[in-house]
Amino acid sequence: MARGDLSDAEWELVEPFLPVGERGPVPDLRRLFNAVMWRCRAGCPWRDVPHEYGSWSTVFGAFQRWALAGTFRTLTEGTAARRRPVDRSISTWSAWIPRSRALIITRRG
């Protein structure tokens, strides 16, 4: 597992939301998903996806199919619904904003 790839617990949350391939389960679905997430984190061109994830065109094809099918929206909504609610009644937010100080130039006579 490469740095940034999903752990087993994270994969168990994500896997049910990913579509099954046209001919059945995709053998390397986890690696393919990790590749798409790597590219999204890196913000690089698709051709720069590391070779250990497979062909960049396969990774791009999966991303495109999932995006058009609404898989990422379903994944986001589904995993958000599974989270435990957070009790925000005791949360307090504070911010300290320093005063801006103008530079004053004086002219000596």
Protein backbone atom coordinates (compact mmCIF):
# COMPACT_ATOMS: atom_id res chain seq x y z
CA MET A 1 0.00 0.00 0.00
CA ALA A 2 1.42 3.36 -1.02
CA ARG A 3 1.30 6.45 1.15
CA GLY A 4 -2.15 8.01 0.87
CA ASP A 5 -3.90 4.81 -0.27
CA LEU A 6 -7.04 3.76 1.56
CA SER A 7 -6.67 1.62 4.67
CA ASP A 8 -8.74 -1.56 5.01
CA ALA A 9 -11.29 0.22 7.21
CA GLU A 10 -11.62 3.11 4.73
CA TRP A 11 -11.98 0.68 1.83
CA GLU A 12 -14.83 -1.10 3.61
CA LEU A 13 -16.70 2.23 3.71
CA VAL A 14 -16.02 3.11 0.06
CA GLU A 15 -16.40 -0.22 -1.74
CA PRO A 16 -20.21 -0.58 -1.51
CA PHE A 17 -20.68 2.72 -3.36
CA LEU A 18 -18.52 1.85 -6.36
CA PRO A 19 -20.27 0.31 -9.36
CA VAL A 20 -19.74 -3.27 -10.45
CA GLY A 21 -18.17 -3.62 -13.89
CA GLU A 22 -20.27 -4.51 -16.94
CA ARG A 23 -18.95 -8.08 -16.83
CA GLY A 24 -18.84 -8.46 -13.05
CA PRO A 25 -16.53 -7.25 -10.30
CA VAL A 26 -13.44 -5.32 -11.34
CA PRO A 27 -10.39 -7.27 -10.09
CA ASP A 28 -8.31 -4.22 -9.17
CA LEU A 29 -11.08 -1.87 -8.13
CA ARG A 30 -9.26 -0.74 -4.99
CA ARG A 31 -6.06 0.03 -6.90
CA LEU A 32 -8.08 1.88 -9.55
CA PHE A 33 -9.88 3.98 -6.92
CA ASN A 34 -6.59 4.74 -5.16
CA ALA A 35 -5.15 5.86 -8.50
CA VAL A 36 -8.03 8.26 -9.11
CA MET A 37 -7.70 9.66 -5.59
CA TRP A 38 -3.91 10.02 -6.04
CA ARG A 39 -4.43 12.04 -9.21
CA CYS A 40 -7.04 14.25 -7.55
CA ARG A 41 -4.73 14.94 -4.59
CA ALA A 42 -1.71 15.60 -6.80
CA GLY A 43 -3.55 17.76 -9.32
CA CYS A 44 -1.24 16.56 -12.07
CA PRO A 45 -2.00 15.50 -15.65
CA TRP A 46 -3.51 12.03 -16.04
CA ARG A 47 -0.38 10.81 -17.83
CA ASP A 48 1.63 11.40 -14.63
CA VAL A 49 -0.26 8.78 -12.58
CA PRO A 50 2.41 6.36 -11.26
CA HIS A 51 2.78 3.12 -13.21
CA GLU A 52 2.15 0.97 -10.14
CA TYR A 53 -1.51 2.02 -10.35
CA GLY A 54 -1.80 0.78 -13.91
CA SER A 55 -2.29 2.51 -17.23
CA TRP A 56 -3.17 6.21 -16.97
CA SER A 57 -5.82 5.76 -19.68
CA THR A 58 -7.53 3.02 -17.64
CA VAL A 59 -7.52 5.26 -14.56
CA PHE A 60 -8.90 8.19 -16.57
CA GLY A 61 -11.57 5.96 -18.13
CA ALA A 62 -12.73 4.81 -14.69
CA PHE A 63 -12.80 8.39 -13.41
CA GLN A 64 -14.83 9.52 -16.40
CA ARG A 65 -17.36 6.65 -16.09
CA TRP A 66 -17.75 7.23 -12.34
CA ALA A 67 -18.15 10.98 -12.77
CA LEU A 68 -20.82 10.62 -15.47
CA ALA A 69 -22.69 7.97 -13.47
CA GLY A 70 -22.78 10.15 -10.34
CA THR A 71 -20.67 7.69 -8.35
CA PHE A 72 -18.70 10.38 -6.53
CA ARG A 73 -21.88 12.18 -5.46
CA THR A 74 -23.39 8.92 -4.23
CA LEU A 75 -20.15 8.06 -2.41
CA THR A 76 -20.00 11.45 -0.73
CA GLU A 77 -23.65 11.40 0.34
CA GLY A 78 -23.51 7.77 1.46
CA THR A 79 -20.39 8.08 3.57
CA ALA A 80 -21.64 11.36 5.08
CA ALA A 81 -24.87 9.64 6.11
CA ARG A 82 -22.89 6.91 7.92
CA ARG A 83 -20.93 9.35 10.08
CA ARG A 84 -21.84 9.78 13.70
CA PRO A 85 -23.48 13.13 14.38
CA VAL A 86 -21.21 15.61 16.08
CA ASP A 87 -22.45 17.41 19.17
CA ARG A 88 -21.67 21.02 18.36
CA SER A 89 -23.43 22.45 21.41
CA ILE A 90 -20.19 22.58 23.39
CA SER A 91 -18.01 23.77 20.54
CA THR A 92 -16.70 27.27 20.78
CA TRP A 93 -14.99 29.13 18.02
CA SER A 94 -12.75 32.04 18.57
CA ALA A 95 -10.44 33.98 16.36
CA TRP A 96 -7.78 36.48 17.12
CA ILE A 97 -7.31 39.04 14.42
CA PRO A 98 -4.38 41.37 14.90
CA ARG A 99 -4.96 45.02 14.18
CA SER A 100 -3.33 46.20 11.04
CA ARG A 101 -0.77 48.82 11.70
CA ALA A 102 -0.17 51.48 9.14
CA LEU A 103 3.37 52.45 8.42
CA ILE A 104 3.76 56.07 9.34
CA ILE A 105 6.60 57.93 7.74
CA THR A 106 7.59 61.18 9.34
CA ARG A 107 9.71 63.78 7.75
CA ARG A 108 12.38 65.38 9.81
CA GLY A 109 13.14 68.90 9.10
